Protein backbone atom coordinates (compact mmCIF):
# COMPACT_ATOMS: atom_id res chain seq x y z
CA MET A 1 -9.41 -3.40 8.22
CA GLY A 2 -12.01 -1.81 5.98
CA ASN A 3 -10.32 1.52 6.52
CA VAL A 4 -9.69 3.43 3.28
CA HIS A 5 -6.15 4.26 4.42
CA ASP A 6 -5.41 0.56 5.03
CA PHE A 7 -6.72 -0.33 1.58
CA GLU A 8 -4.51 2.33 0.00
CA GLU A 9 -1.50 0.68 1.69
CA ILE A 10 -2.61 -2.74 0.43
CA LYS A 11 -3.01 -1.33 -3.10
CA LYS A 12 0.45 0.19 -2.95
CA ARG A 13 2.01 -3.11 -1.81
CA PHE A 14 0.00 -5.01 -4.43
CA LYS A 15 1.09 -2.70 -7.22
CA GLU A 16 4.77 -3.01 -6.27
CA ALA A 17 4.74 -6.78 -5.72
CA ASP A 18 5.79 -9.41 -8.24
CA VAL A 19 3.18 -11.92 -9.44
CA ASP A 20 3.72 -14.30 -6.51
CA GLY A 21 3.51 -11.38 -4.09
CA LYS A 22 0.29 -10.19 -5.70
CA ILE A 23 -1.17 -13.68 -5.34
CA GLU A 24 -0.14 -13.85 -1.69
CA ILE A 25 -1.72 -10.49 -0.94
CA TYR A 26 -4.90 -11.28 -2.87
CA THR A 27 -5.39 -14.63 -1.17
CA THR A 28 -4.46 -13.66 2.40
CA VAL A 29 -5.91 -10.19 2.99
CA ASP A 30 -9.23 -10.35 4.83
CA ASN A 31 -12.19 -8.04 5.21
CA LEU A 32 -12.03 -6.30 1.85
CA THR A 33 -15.21 -5.38 0.06
CA VAL A 34 -16.11 -6.97 -3.26
CA ASP A 35 -15.25 -3.68 -4.97
CA GLN A 36 -11.84 -3.60 -3.30
CA TYR A 37 -11.08 -7.15 -4.45
CA LYS A 38 -12.19 -6.16 -7.96
CA GLU A 39 -9.88 -3.15 -7.87
CA LEU A 40 -6.92 -5.36 -7.00
CA LEU A 41 -7.93 -7.84 -9.67
CA ARG A 42 -7.88 -5.06 -12.29
CA MET A 43 -4.22 -4.49 -11.40
CA PHE A 44 -3.36 -8.19 -11.76
CA PRO A 45 -1.58 -9.28 -14.97
CA ILE A 46 -4.13 -11.20 -17.03
CA LYS A 47 -1.60 -13.69 -18.36
CA TYR A 48 -1.16 -15.04 -14.79
CA LEU A 49 -4.87 -15.28 -13.99
CA GLU A 50 -4.83 -19.09 -14.09
CA LYS A 51 -2.05 -19.10 -11.49
CA LEU A 52 -4.19 -16.91 -9.22
CA GLU A 53 -7.19 -19.18 -9.76
CA ARG A 54 -5.12 -22.24 -8.78
CA ALA A 55 -3.91 -20.48 -5.63
CA MET A 56 -7.47 -19.71 -4.65
CA ALA A 57 -8.70 -23.29 -5.16
């Protein structure tokens, strides 16, 4: 991982996923940079942020 092409695929899957899918991707994908995690987080619906936080706990 770490490859820009791989991250673009992850972003595409993340964008197309429902909330539960987004949470699964965010919590299971390894080896992303802090900036890449932030980029995914910007695409996450704010009203479900607590659900994401619970999944990460």
